[in-house]
């Protein structure tokens, strides 16, 4: 009920600051917004699963209220083999802003390649390259790549299609053997150990 008026439409929108919300006569309170930085280990998927190791197995260990814990989700997924920065939150508005390409929030990665980095081919990736996404051709947007070693590069993109970075390098015949996300916008992974979770701002 909203101010004791029964609501049956699940899509009914309202301002929780102006209504008393009850479920089965019990008054409900807005859940506190939580913002966490997580260094995802390789070998874990970002979806809930009973058959594979997933990040929610690690979230269970957090020392916070169980009801709040159950509302947490990852902002911007990483594939199973990739490790690094994930934002964990229950703030849907923030999540939508971060993953929306129009927000132009850069995601930066460190990658180790199977073969020596080829400057001419790297330039092709920076200008955009055609890859397959869900069995359809897709031209990636321009990005920034810095070669820091014979097989080591940093890559910064403002989009995030499924396995995009791996597919980009495969398109120039250079397989990625290690991939780690190190920042999202101004948020840095820093020295957070693999598997560790901490509140943003600490």
N, C-alpha and C. Protein backbone atom coordinates (compact mmCIF):
# COMPACT_ATOMS: atom_id res chain seq x y z
N UNK A 1 0.84 -1.19 0.00
CA UNK A 1 0.00 0.00 0.00
C UNK A 1 0.88 1.24 0.00
N UNK A 2 0.35 2.32 -0.60
CA UNK A 2 0.97 3.63 -0.55
C UNK A 2 0.00 4.56 0.17
N UNK A 3 0.42 5.06 1.35
CA UNK A 3 -0.49 5.86 2.19
C UNK A 3 -1.82 5.14 2.38
N UNK A 4 -1.70 3.83 2.64
CA UNK A 4 -2.84 2.94 2.93
C UNK A 4 -3.73 2.66 1.72
N UNK A 5 -3.29 3.08 0.53
CA UNK A 5 -4.04 2.77 -0.69
C UNK A 5 -3.40 1.55 -1.35
N UNK A 6 -4.22 0.54 -1.60
CA UNK A 6 -3.71 -0.70 -2.18
C UNK A 6 -3.26 -0.49 -3.62
N UNK A 7 -2.07 -0.99 -3.95
CA UNK A 7 -1.50 -0.88 -5.30
C UNK A 7 -1.35 -2.28 -5.88
N UNK A 8 -1.91 -2.52 -7.05
CA UNK A 8 -1.82 -3.84 -7.67
C UNK A 8 -0.96 -3.85 -8.94
N UNK A 9 -0.63 -2.66 -9.45
CA UNK A 9 0.17 -2.56 -10.67
C UNK A 9 1.66 -2.60 -10.31
N UNK A 10 2.41 -3.63 -10.74
CA UNK A 10 3.84 -3.71 -10.39
C UNK A 10 4.69 -2.62 -11.02
N UNK A 11 4.15 -1.92 -12.03
CA UNK A 11 4.88 -0.84 -12.70
C UNK A 11 4.50 0.54 -12.16
N UNK A 12 3.81 0.57 -11.04
CA UNK A 12 3.38 1.84 -10.46
C UNK A 12 4.59 2.60 -9.91
N UNK A 13 4.81 3.82 -10.39
CA UNK A 13 5.93 4.63 -9.94
C UNK A 13 5.47 5.62 -8.87
N UNK A 14 6.36 5.90 -7.90
CA UNK A 14 6.01 6.82 -6.83
C UNK A 14 7.28 7.37 -6.21
N UNK A 15 7.15 8.45 -5.47
CA UNK A 15 8.27 9.05 -4.75
C UNK A 15 8.27 8.52 -3.32
N UNK A 16 9.25 7.69 -2.96
CA UNK A 16 9.25 7.09 -1.62
C UNK A 16 9.39 8.11 -0.50
N UNK A 17 9.80 9.34 -0.83
CA UNK A 17 9.92 10.38 0.19
C UNK A 17 8.56 10.99 0.55
N UNK A 18 7.56 10.76 -0.32
CA UNK A 18 6.25 11.38 -0.10
C UNK A 18 5.16 10.38 0.27
N UNK A 19 5.52 9.08 0.33
CA UNK A 19 4.52 8.06 0.63
C UNK A 19 5.00 7.15 1.76
N UNK A 20 4.05 6.68 2.54
CA UNK A 20 4.33 5.61 3.51
C UNK A 20 4.07 4.29 2.78
N UNK A 21 5.12 3.48 2.65
CA UNK A 21 5.04 2.25 1.88
C UNK A 21 4.93 1.06 2.83
N UNK A 22 3.94 0.22 2.61
CA UNK A 22 3.77 -0.97 3.45
C UNK A 22 3.57 -2.21 2.58
N UNK A 23 4.09 -3.32 3.07
CA UNK A 23 3.87 -4.63 2.44
C UNK A 23 3.37 -5.57 3.53
N UNK A 24 2.16 -6.10 3.33
CA UNK A 24 1.53 -6.95 4.34
C UNK A 24 1.49 -6.25 5.70
N UNK A 25 1.11 -4.97 5.66
CA UNK A 25 0.96 -4.13 6.86
C UNK A 25 2.29 -3.74 7.52
N UNK A 26 3.42 -4.20 6.96
CA UNK A 26 4.71 -3.85 7.53
C UNK A 26 5.30 -2.66 6.78
N UNK A 27 5.68 -1.63 7.54
CA UNK A 27 6.24 -0.42 6.92
C UNK A 27 7.63 -0.72 6.37
N UNK A 28 7.86 -0.30 5.13
CA UNK A 28 9.15 -0.54 4.48
C UNK A 28 9.98 0.74 4.47
N UNK A 29 11.28 0.56 4.54
CA UNK A 29 12.20 1.69 4.48
C UNK A 29 13.10 1.54 3.26
N UNK A 30 13.46 2.66 2.62
CA UNK A 30 14.39 2.57 1.48
C UNK A 30 15.70 1.93 1.90
N UNK A 31 16.23 1.05 1.06
CA UNK A 31 17.50 0.40 1.36
C UNK A 31 18.64 1.37 1.13
N UNK A 32 19.59 1.37 2.03
CA UNK A 32 20.74 2.25 1.94
C UNK A 32 21.55 1.93 0.68
N UNK A 33 21.96 2.98 -0.03
CA UNK A 33 22.78 2.79 -1.23
C UNK A 33 24.19 2.37 -0.82
N UNK A 34 24.70 1.35 -1.49
CA UNK A 34 26.02 0.81 -1.20
C UNK A 34 26.89 0.93 -2.46
N UNK A 35 28.16 1.33 -2.27
CA UNK A 35 29.09 1.46 -3.39
C UNK A 35 30.41 0.80 -2.99
N UNK A 36 30.77 -0.26 -3.72
CA UNK A 36 31.97 -1.03 -3.38
C UNK A 36 32.86 -1.22 -4.60
N UNK A 37 34.16 -1.31 -4.35
CA UNK A 37 35.14 -1.65 -5.38
C UNK A 37 35.55 -3.10 -5.16
N UNK A 38 35.57 -3.87 -6.23
CA UNK A 38 35.86 -5.30 -6.15
C UNK A 38 36.92 -5.66 -7.18
N UNK A 39 37.96 -6.36 -6.74
CA UNK A 39 38.98 -6.85 -7.67
C UNK A 39 38.62 -8.30 -8.01
N UNK A 40 37.89 -8.46 -9.10
CA UNK A 40 37.38 -9.79 -9.49
C UNK A 40 38.54 -10.73 -9.88
N UNK A 41 38.53 -11.94 -9.32
CA UNK A 41 39.54 -12.92 -9.74
C UNK A 41 39.15 -13.56 -11.07
N UNK A 42 40.12 -14.05 -11.81
CA UNK A 42 39.84 -14.85 -13.00
C UNK A 42 39.19 -16.16 -12.54
N UNK A 43 38.37 -16.73 -13.42
CA UNK A 43 37.71 -17.99 -13.08
C UNK A 43 36.32 -17.85 -12.51
N UNK A 44 35.88 -16.60 -12.33
CA UNK A 44 34.54 -16.33 -11.80
C UNK A 44 33.70 -15.61 -12.86
N UNK A 45 32.44 -15.99 -12.98
CA UNK A 45 31.54 -15.29 -13.88
C UNK A 45 30.78 -14.22 -13.10
N UNK A 46 30.19 -13.25 -13.82
CA UNK A 46 29.48 -12.15 -13.17
C UNK A 46 27.98 -12.37 -13.06
N UNK A 47 27.52 -13.56 -13.47
CA UNK A 47 26.11 -13.89 -13.35
C UNK A 47 25.92 -14.92 -12.23
N UNK A 48 24.76 -14.90 -11.60
CA UNK A 48 24.46 -15.91 -10.59
C UNK A 48 24.35 -17.27 -11.26
N UNK A 49 24.94 -18.28 -10.65
CA UNK A 49 24.93 -19.61 -11.24
C UNK A 49 25.10 -20.66 -10.14
N UNK A 50 24.42 -21.79 -10.31
CA UNK A 50 24.58 -22.90 -9.38
C UNK A 50 25.65 -23.88 -9.87
N UNK A 51 26.07 -23.70 -11.12
CA UNK A 51 27.01 -24.65 -11.72
C UNK A 51 28.43 -24.11 -11.85
N UNK A 52 28.62 -22.79 -11.83
CA UNK A 52 29.94 -22.21 -11.98
C UNK A 52 30.24 -21.24 -10.84
N UNK A 53 31.55 -21.08 -10.56
CA UNK A 53 31.95 -20.10 -9.57
C UNK A 53 31.55 -18.71 -10.06
N UNK A 54 30.93 -17.93 -9.20
CA UNK A 54 30.49 -16.59 -9.61
C UNK A 54 30.77 -15.58 -8.51
N UNK A 55 30.76 -14.30 -8.88
CA UNK A 55 31.14 -13.25 -7.94
C UNK A 55 30.21 -13.18 -6.73
N UNK A 56 29.00 -13.70 -6.87
CA UNK A 56 28.05 -13.64 -5.75
C UNK A 56 28.44 -14.61 -4.64
N UNK A 57 29.25 -15.61 -4.97
CA UNK A 57 29.79 -16.49 -3.93
C UNK A 57 30.72 -15.70 -3.01
N UNK A 58 31.44 -14.72 -3.58
CA UNK A 58 32.37 -13.90 -2.81
C UNK A 58 31.64 -12.78 -2.07
N UNK A 59 30.57 -12.27 -2.69
CA UNK A 59 29.79 -11.21 -2.04
C UNK A 59 29.15 -11.72 -0.74
N UNK A 60 28.84 -13.01 -0.71
CA UNK A 60 28.21 -13.61 0.48
C UNK A 60 29.06 -13.41 1.73
N UNK A 61 30.37 -13.25 1.56
CA UNK A 61 31.28 -13.14 2.70
C UNK A 61 31.30 -11.73 3.30
N UNK A 62 30.66 -10.77 2.61
CA UNK A 62 30.67 -9.39 3.10
C UNK A 62 29.96 -9.26 4.44
N UNK A 63 30.51 -8.44 5.31
CA UNK A 63 29.94 -8.24 6.64
C UNK A 63 28.97 -7.05 6.62
N UNK A 64 27.86 -7.23 5.89
CA UNK A 64 26.81 -6.22 5.86
C UNK A 64 25.46 -6.91 5.97
N UNK A 65 24.41 -6.13 6.20
CA UNK A 65 23.06 -6.68 6.37
C UNK A 65 22.69 -7.57 5.19
N UNK A 66 22.11 -8.74 5.49
CA UNK A 66 21.79 -9.73 4.45
C UNK A 66 20.80 -9.18 3.42
N UNK A 67 19.83 -8.38 3.87
CA UNK A 67 18.86 -7.81 2.94
C UNK A 67 19.53 -6.85 1.97
N UNK A 68 20.45 -6.05 2.49
CA UNK A 68 21.18 -5.10 1.64
C UNK A 68 22.11 -5.87 0.70
N UNK A 69 22.75 -6.89 1.23
CA UNK A 69 23.68 -7.70 0.44
C UNK A 69 22.97 -8.32 -0.77
N UNK A 70 21.74 -8.72 -0.58
CA UNK A 70 20.99 -9.39 -1.65
C UNK A 70 20.62 -8.43 -2.78
N UNK A 71 20.76 -7.12 -2.55
CA UNK A 71 20.40 -6.14 -3.59
C UNK A 71 21.61 -5.76 -4.46
N UNK A 72 22.79 -6.20 -4.09
CA UNK A 72 24.01 -5.80 -4.81
C UNK A 72 24.14 -6.49 -6.16
N UNK A 73 24.67 -5.76 -7.13
CA UNK A 73 24.95 -6.33 -8.45
C UNK A 73 26.18 -5.64 -9.02
N UNK A 74 26.77 -6.24 -10.04
CA UNK A 74 27.98 -5.69 -10.65
C UNK A 74 27.62 -4.70 -11.75
N UNK A 75 28.36 -3.60 -11.81
CA UNK A 75 28.19 -2.60 -12.86
C UNK A 75 29.23 -2.88 -13.95
N UNK A 76 28.76 -3.30 -15.10
CA UNK A 76 29.69 -3.63 -16.18
C UNK A 76 30.37 -4.95 -15.93
N UNK A 77 29.99 -5.97 -16.65
CA UNK A 77 30.53 -7.31 -16.40
C UNK A 77 31.92 -7.49 -16.99
N UNK A 78 32.63 -8.46 -16.44
CA UNK A 78 33.90 -8.93 -16.99
C UNK A 78 33.72 -10.40 -17.32
N UNK A 79 34.36 -10.87 -18.41
CA UNK A 79 34.20 -12.28 -18.75
C UNK A 79 34.95 -13.15 -17.74
N UNK A 80 34.73 -14.44 -17.82
CA UNK A 80 35.24 -15.38 -16.83
C UNK A 80 36.75 -15.32 -16.67
N UNK A 81 37.47 -15.16 -17.78
CA UNK A 81 38.94 -15.20 -17.74
C UNK A 81 39.56 -13.88 -17.32
N UNK A 82 38.77 -12.80 -17.34
CA UNK A 82 39.31 -11.46 -17.05
C UNK A 82 39.18 -11.14 -15.57
N UNK A 83 40.23 -10.51 -15.03
CA UNK A 83 40.16 -10.07 -13.64
C UNK A 83 40.16 -8.55 -13.59
N UNK A 84 39.97 -8.02 -12.38
CA UNK A 84 40.07 -6.57 -12.23
C UNK A 84 38.84 -5.88 -11.69
N UNK A 85 38.79 -4.58 -11.94
CA UNK A 85 37.84 -3.69 -11.29
C UNK A 85 36.38 -3.92 -11.69
N UNK A 86 35.57 -4.13 -10.67
CA UNK A 86 34.12 -4.12 -10.81
C UNK A 86 33.57 -3.18 -9.74
N UNK A 87 32.50 -2.46 -10.08
CA UNK A 87 31.77 -1.70 -9.08
C UNK A 87 30.59 -2.55 -8.65
N UNK A 88 30.43 -2.74 -7.35
CA UNK A 88 29.28 -3.43 -6.79
C UNK A 88 28.39 -2.40 -6.12
N UNK A 89 27.11 -2.39 -6.46
CA UNK A 89 26.20 -1.39 -5.91
C UNK A 89 24.77 -1.89 -5.96
N UNK A 90 23.86 -1.14 -5.37
CA UNK A 90 22.43 -1.38 -5.52
C UNK A 90 21.77 -0.12 -6.09
N UNK A 91 22.59 0.76 -6.65
CA UNK A 91 22.13 2.02 -7.23
C UNK A 91 21.96 1.85 -8.74
N UNK A 92 20.74 1.59 -9.17
CA UNK A 92 20.47 1.34 -10.58
C UNK A 92 20.73 2.55 -11.45
N UNK A 93 20.51 3.75 -10.91
CA UNK A 93 20.72 4.98 -11.68
C UNK A 93 22.20 5.15 -12.01
N UNK A 94 23.06 4.90 -11.02
CA UNK A 94 24.50 4.98 -11.26
C UNK A 94 24.93 3.94 -12.29
N UNK A 95 24.41 2.72 -12.14
CA UNK A 95 24.79 1.64 -13.06
C UNK A 95 24.45 1.99 -14.50
N UNK A 96 23.25 2.53 -14.71
CA UNK A 96 22.82 2.90 -16.05
C UNK A 96 23.72 3.97 -16.64
N UNK A 97 24.13 4.92 -15.80
CA UNK A 97 25.00 6.01 -16.28
C UNK A 97 26.38 5.47 -16.69
N UNK A 98 26.93 4.57 -15.88
CA UNK A 98 28.28 4.06 -16.14
C UNK A 98 28.33 3.23 -17.42
N UNK A 99 27.32 2.38 -17.64
CA UNK A 99 27.36 1.46 -18.79
C UNK A 99 26.83 2.10 -20.08
N UNK A 100 26.19 3.26 -19.98
CA UNK A 100 25.66 3.93 -21.17
C UNK A 100 26.81 4.52 -21.99
N UNK A 101 27.01 4.07 -23.25
CA UNK A 101 28.10 4.60 -24.08
C UNK A 101 28.05 6.12 -24.24
N UNK A 102 26.85 6.70 -24.18
CA UNK A 102 26.72 8.15 -24.34
C UNK A 102 27.35 8.91 -23.17
N UNK A 103 27.56 8.23 -22.04
CA UNK A 103 28.21 8.87 -20.89
C UNK A 103 29.70 9.06 -21.14
N UNK A 104 30.24 8.30 -22.11
CA UNK A 104 31.66 8.40 -22.50
C UNK A 104 32.60 8.23 -21.31
N UNK A 105 32.31 7.24 -20.49
CA UNK A 105 33.17 6.92 -19.36
C UNK A 105 34.19 5.87 -19.81
N UNK A 106 35.47 6.22 -19.72
CA UNK A 106 36.52 5.33 -20.21
C UNK A 106 36.76 4.18 -19.23
N UNK A 107 36.93 2.98 -19.80
CA UNK A 107 37.32 1.81 -19.03
C UNK A 107 38.73 1.42 -19.50
N UNK A 108 39.67 1.34 -18.57
CA UNK A 108 41.06 1.10 -18.94
C UNK A 108 41.49 -0.30 -18.51
N UNK A 109 42.21 -0.95 -19.43
CA UNK A 109 42.63 -2.35 -19.20
C UNK A 109 44.13 -2.50 -19.43
N UNK A 110 44.69 -3.49 -18.76
CA UNK A 110 46.06 -3.91 -19.02
C UNK A 110 45.99 -5.30 -19.65
N UNK A 111 46.71 -5.49 -20.76
CA UNK A 111 46.66 -6.77 -21.47
C UNK A 111 48.05 -7.27 -21.80
N UNK A 112 48.22 -8.58 -21.71
CA UNK A 112 49.43 -9.24 -22.18
C UNK A 112 49.05 -10.06 -23.40
N UNK A 113 49.77 -9.87 -24.49
CA UNK A 113 49.45 -10.51 -25.76
C UNK A 113 50.28 -11.77 -25.97
N UNK A 114 49.75 -12.65 -26.81
CA UNK A 114 50.46 -13.88 -27.14
C UNK A 114 51.65 -13.59 -28.05
N UNK A 115 51.48 -12.57 -28.92
CA UNK A 115 52.54 -12.20 -29.87
C UNK A 115 53.02 -10.77 -29.59
N UNK A 116 54.15 -10.43 -30.17
CA UNK A 116 54.69 -9.08 -30.04
C UNK A 116 53.70 -8.05 -30.60
N UNK A 117 53.51 -6.96 -29.86
CA UNK A 117 52.58 -5.91 -30.28
C UNK A 117 53.08 -5.25 -31.57
N UNK A 118 52.24 -5.22 -32.58
CA UNK A 118 52.56 -4.63 -33.88
C UNK A 118 51.96 -3.22 -33.94
N UNK A 119 52.82 -2.20 -34.01
CA UNK A 119 52.34 -0.81 -33.96
C UNK A 119 51.34 -0.49 -35.06
N UNK A 120 51.59 -0.99 -36.27
CA UNK A 120 50.69 -0.68 -37.38
C UNK A 120 49.32 -1.30 -37.18
N UNK A 121 49.29 -2.52 -36.65
CA UNK A 121 48.01 -3.18 -36.39
C UNK A 121 47.28 -2.57 -35.20
N UNK A 122 48.06 -2.14 -34.20
CA UNK A 122 47.48 -1.45 -33.05
C UNK A 122 46.77 -0.18 -33.49
N UNK A 123 47.36 0.52 -34.47
CA UNK A 123 46.76 1.75 -34.99
C UNK A 123 45.40 1.46 -35.61
N UNK A 124 45.27 0.29 -36.26
CA UNK A 124 43.98 -0.10 -36.85
C UNK A 124 42.92 -0.22 -35.75
N UNK A 125 43.31 -0.83 -34.63
CA UNK A 125 42.37 -0.98 -33.51
C UNK A 125 41.96 0.39 -32.96
N UNK A 126 42.92 1.31 -32.88
CA UNK A 126 42.62 2.63 -32.33
C UNK A 126 41.59 3.38 -33.18
N UNK A 127 41.61 3.12 -34.47
CA UNK A 127 40.68 3.81 -35.38
C UNK A 127 39.33 3.10 -35.50
N UNK A 128 39.22 1.90 -34.93
CA UNK A 128 37.98 1.12 -35.01
C UNK A 128 38.15 -0.05 -35.96
N UNK A 129 37.64 -1.21 -35.55
CA UNK A 129 37.78 -2.41 -36.36
C UNK A 129 36.47 -3.21 -36.31
N UNK A 130 36.22 -3.98 -37.34
CA UNK A 130 34.99 -4.76 -37.42
C UNK A 130 35.16 -6.08 -36.69
N UNK A 131 34.22 -6.36 -35.77
CA UNK A 131 34.22 -7.62 -35.03
C UNK A 131 32.80 -8.20 -35.06
N UNK A 132 32.66 -9.44 -34.62
CA UNK A 132 31.35 -10.09 -34.56
C UNK A 132 30.78 -9.98 -33.15
N UNK A 133 29.59 -9.44 -33.03
CA UNK A 133 28.87 -9.37 -31.76
C UNK A 133 27.50 -10.00 -31.96
N UNK A 134 27.23 -11.09 -31.26
CA UNK A 134 25.95 -11.80 -31.40
C UNK A 134 25.65 -12.13 -32.86
N UNK A 135 26.69 -12.65 -33.54
CA UNK A 135 26.58 -13.11 -34.93
C UNK A 135 26.31 -11.98 -35.93
N UNK A 136 26.57 -10.73 -35.51
CA UNK A 136 26.42 -9.59 -36.41
C UNK A 136 27.71 -8.77 -36.43
N UNK A 137 27.99 -8.14 -37.59
CA UNK A 137 29.18 -7.31 -37.72
C UNK A 137 29.00 -6.02 -36.91
N UNK A 138 30.07 -5.63 -36.23
CA UNK A 138 30.02 -4.41 -35.43
C UNK A 138 31.36 -3.68 -35.57
N UNK A 139 31.30 -2.39 -35.85
CA UNK A 139 32.52 -1.57 -35.97
C UNK A 139 32.76 -0.87 -34.63
N UNK A 140 33.88 -1.18 -34.02
CA UNK A 140 34.19 -0.59 -32.72
C UNK A 140 34.50 0.90 -32.86
N UNK A 141 34.24 1.64 -31.79
CA UNK A 141 34.54 3.06 -31.77
C UNK A 141 36.04 3.26 -31.54
N UNK A 142 36.52 4.45 -31.81
CA UNK A 142 37.94 4.73 -31.62
C UNK A 142 38.32 4.55 -30.16
N UNK A 143 39.56 4.17 -29.93
CA UNK A 143 40.03 3.93 -28.57
C UNK A 143 41.49 4.36 -28.48
N UNK A 144 42.05 4.29 -27.29
CA UNK A 144 43.44 4.65 -27.08
C UNK A 144 44.21 3.42 -26.59
N UNK A 145 45.36 3.15 -27.23
CA UNK A 145 46.19 2.01 -26.86
C UNK A 145 47.63 2.48 -26.69
N UNK A 146 48.25 2.08 -25.58
CA UNK A 146 49.65 2.43 -25.33
C UNK A 146 50.46 1.15 -25.16
N UNK A 147 51.47 0.99 -25.97
CA UNK A 147 52.35 -0.18 -25.89
C UNK A 147 53.41 0.10 -24.83
N UNK A 148 53.51 -0.77 -23.82
CA UNK A 148 54.46 -0.54 -22.72
C UNK A 148 55.53 -1.63 -22.63
N UNK A 149 55.39 -2.66 -23.43
CA UNK A 149 56.36 -3.74 -23.44
C UNK A 149 56.25 -4.50 -24.73
N UNK A 150 57.11 -5.49 -24.92
CA UNK A 150 57.08 -6.25 -26.17
C UNK A 150 55.70 -6.85 -26.43
N UNK A 151 55.06 -7.33 -25.36
CA UNK A 151 53.74 -7.95 -25.50
C UNK A 151 52.71 -7.34 -24.55
N UNK A 152 53.02 -6.17 -24.01
CA UNK A 152 52.15 -5.54 -23.01
C UNK A 152 51.56 -4.23 -23.53
N UNK A 153 50.24 -4.06 -23.32
CA UNK A 153 49.57 -2.83 -23.75
C UNK A 153 48.54 -2.39 -22.72
N UNK A 154 48.26 -1.10 -22.72
CA UNK A 154 47.13 -0.55 -21.98
C UNK A 154 46.12 -0.08 -23.02
N UNK A 155 44.86 -0.40 -22.81
CA UNK A 155 43.82 -0.02 -23.76
C UNK A 155 42.67 0.65 -23.03
N UNK A 156 42.20 1.76 -23.58
CA UNK A 156 41.12 2.53 -22.97
C UNK A 156 39.97 2.64 -23.96
N UNK A 157 38.78 2.15 -23.56
CA UNK A 157 37.61 2.19 -24.43
C UNK A 157 36.44 2.83 -23.69
N UNK A 158 35.48 3.37 -24.46
CA UNK A 158 34.30 4.02 -23.87
C UNK A 158 33.04 3.21 -24.13
N UNK A 159 33.21 1.98 -24.58
CA UNK A 159 32.07 1.08 -24.79
C UNK A 159 32.42 -0.25 -24.13
N UNK A 160 31.55 -1.22 -24.21
CA UNK A 160 31.84 -2.48 -23.52
C UNK A 160 31.00 -3.63 -24.03
N UNK A 161 31.17 -3.96 -25.31
CA UNK A 161 30.47 -5.12 -25.85
C UNK A 161 31.05 -6.41 -25.27
N UNK A 162 30.30 -7.49 -25.35
CA UNK A 162 30.73 -8.76 -24.77
C UNK A 162 32.05 -9.23 -25.38
N UNK A 163 33.06 -9.42 -24.53
CA UNK A 163 34.39 -9.89 -24.92
C UNK A 163 35.02 -9.00 -26.00
N UNK A 164 34.67 -7.72 -25.97
CA UNK A 164 35.07 -6.80 -27.04
C UNK A 164 36.58 -6.72 -27.22
N UNK A 165 37.31 -6.49 -26.14
CA UNK A 165 38.76 -6.30 -26.27
C UNK A 165 39.44 -7.57 -26.80
N UNK A 166 39.03 -8.70 -26.31
CA UNK A 166 39.60 -9.96 -26.81
C UNK A 166 39.32 -10.12 -28.31
N UNK A 167 38.10 -9.80 -28.72
CA UNK A 167 37.73 -9.93 -30.13
C UNK A 167 38.48 -8.92 -31.00
N UNK A 168 38.72 -7.74 -30.48
CA UNK A 168 39.46 -6.73 -31.23
C UNK A 168 40.87 -7.21 -31.55
N UNK A 169 41.55 -7.75 -30.56
CA UNK A 169 42.92 -8.21 -30.79
C UNK A 169 42.94 -9.48 -31.64
N UNK A 170 41.94 -10.33 -31.48
CA UNK A 170 41.85 -11.51 -32.34
C UNK A 170 41.68 -11.11 -33.80
N UNK A 171 41.01 -9.97 -34.03
CA UNK A 171 40.77 -9.49 -35.40
C UNK A 171 42.06 -9.07 -36.10
N UNK A 172 43.12 -8.77 -35.31
CA UNK A 172 44.41 -8.43 -35.92
C UNK A 172 45.41 -9.58 -35.73
N UNK A 173 44.87 -10.76 -35.35
CA UNK A 173 45.70 -11.95 -35.22
C UNK A 173 46.60 -11.96 -34.00
N UNK A 174 46.12 -11.31 -32.91
CA UNK A 174 46.93 -11.22 -31.69
C UNK A 174 46.07 -11.58 -30.48
N UNK A 175 46.17 -12.80 -30.05
CA UNK A 175 45.36 -13.29 -28.93
C UNK A 175 45.84 -12.70 -27.60
N UNK A 176 44.87 -12.37 -26.73
CA UNK A 176 45.18 -11.90 -25.38
C UNK A 176 45.32 -13.09 -24.44
N UNK A 177 46.41 -13.14 -23.68
CA UNK A 177 46.62 -14.24 -22.73
C UNK A 177 46.33 -13.81 -21.29
N UNK A 178 46.27 -12.50 -21.06
CA UNK A 178 45.95 -11.99 -19.72
C UNK A 178 45.30 -10.63 -19.88
N UNK A 179 44.17 -10.42 -19.16
CA UNK A 179 43.45 -9.15 -19.27
C UNK A 179 42.93 -8.74 -17.90
N UNK A 180 43.16 -7.46 -17.59
CA UNK A 180 42.76 -6.93 -16.28
C UNK A 180 42.24 -5.51 -16.44
N UNK A 181 41.04 -5.24 -15.89
CA UNK A 181 40.52 -3.87 -15.90
C UNK A 181 41.08 -3.14 -14.69
N UNK A 182 41.66 -1.97 -14.94
CA UNK A 182 42.33 -1.25 -13.85
C UNK A 182 41.63 0.05 -13.46
N UNK A 183 40.71 0.54 -14.31
CA UNK A 183 39.99 1.75 -13.92
C UNK A 183 38.69 1.89 -14.69
N UNK A 184 37.74 2.59 -14.08
CA UNK A 184 36.48 2.99 -14.71
C UNK A 184 36.33 4.47 -14.43
N UNK A 185 36.47 5.31 -15.47
CA UNK A 185 36.47 6.74 -15.25
C UNK A 185 37.63 7.11 -14.34
N UNK A 186 37.36 7.85 -13.29
CA UNK A 186 38.39 8.25 -12.34
C UNK A 186 38.58 7.26 -11.21
N UNK A 187 37.82 6.17 -11.22
CA UNK A 187 37.91 5.17 -10.15
C UNK A 187 39.00 4.16 -10.48
N UNK A 188 40.02 4.07 -9.62
CA UNK A 188 41.17 3.21 -9.86
C UNK A 188 41.11 1.95 -9.01
N UNK A 189 41.64 0.86 -9.57
CA UNK A 189 41.75 -0.38 -8.80
C UNK A 189 42.82 -0.25 -7.73
N UNK A 190 43.88 0.49 -8.05
CA UNK A 190 44.96 0.72 -7.08
C UNK A 190 45.63 -0.58 -6.67
N UNK A 191 45.93 -0.69 -5.37
CA UNK A 191 46.63 -1.87 -4.87
C UNK A 191 45.69 -2.87 -4.21
N UNK A 192 44.40 -2.79 -4.54
CA UNK A 192 43.43 -3.74 -3.99
C UNK A 192 43.77 -5.15 -4.47
N UNK A 193 43.90 -6.08 -3.53
CA UNK A 193 44.31 -7.45 -3.86
C UNK A 193 43.18 -8.19 -4.58
N UNK A 194 43.57 -9.17 -5.40
CA UNK A 194 42.59 -9.98 -6.13
C UNK A 194 41.65 -10.66 -5.13
N UNK A 195 40.35 -10.52 -5.39
CA UNK A 195 39.35 -11.13 -4.51
C UNK A 195 38.86 -10.23 -3.40
N UNK A 196 39.55 -9.10 -3.18
CA UNK A 196 39.17 -8.20 -2.08
C UNK A 196 38.09 -7.21 -2.52
N UNK A 197 37.30 -6.77 -1.55
CA UNK A 197 36.21 -5.81 -1.76
C UNK A 197 36.33 -4.72 -0.70
N UNK A 198 36.16 -3.46 -1.12
CA UNK A 198 36.20 -2.37 -0.14
C UNK A 198 35.23 -1.26 -0.53
N UNK A 199 34.74 -0.48 0.41
CA UNK A 199 33.85 0.64 0.09
C UNK A 199 34.58 1.67 -0.76
N UNK A 200 33.89 2.29 -1.70
CA UNK A 200 34.49 3.35 -2.51
C UNK A 200 34.78 4.54 -1.62
N UNK A 201 35.98 5.10 -1.81
CA UNK A 201 36.37 6.24 -1.01
C UNK A 201 37.30 5.90 0.13
N UNK A 202 37.59 4.57 0.29
CA UNK A 202 38.52 4.16 1.34
C UNK A 202 39.77 3.56 0.73
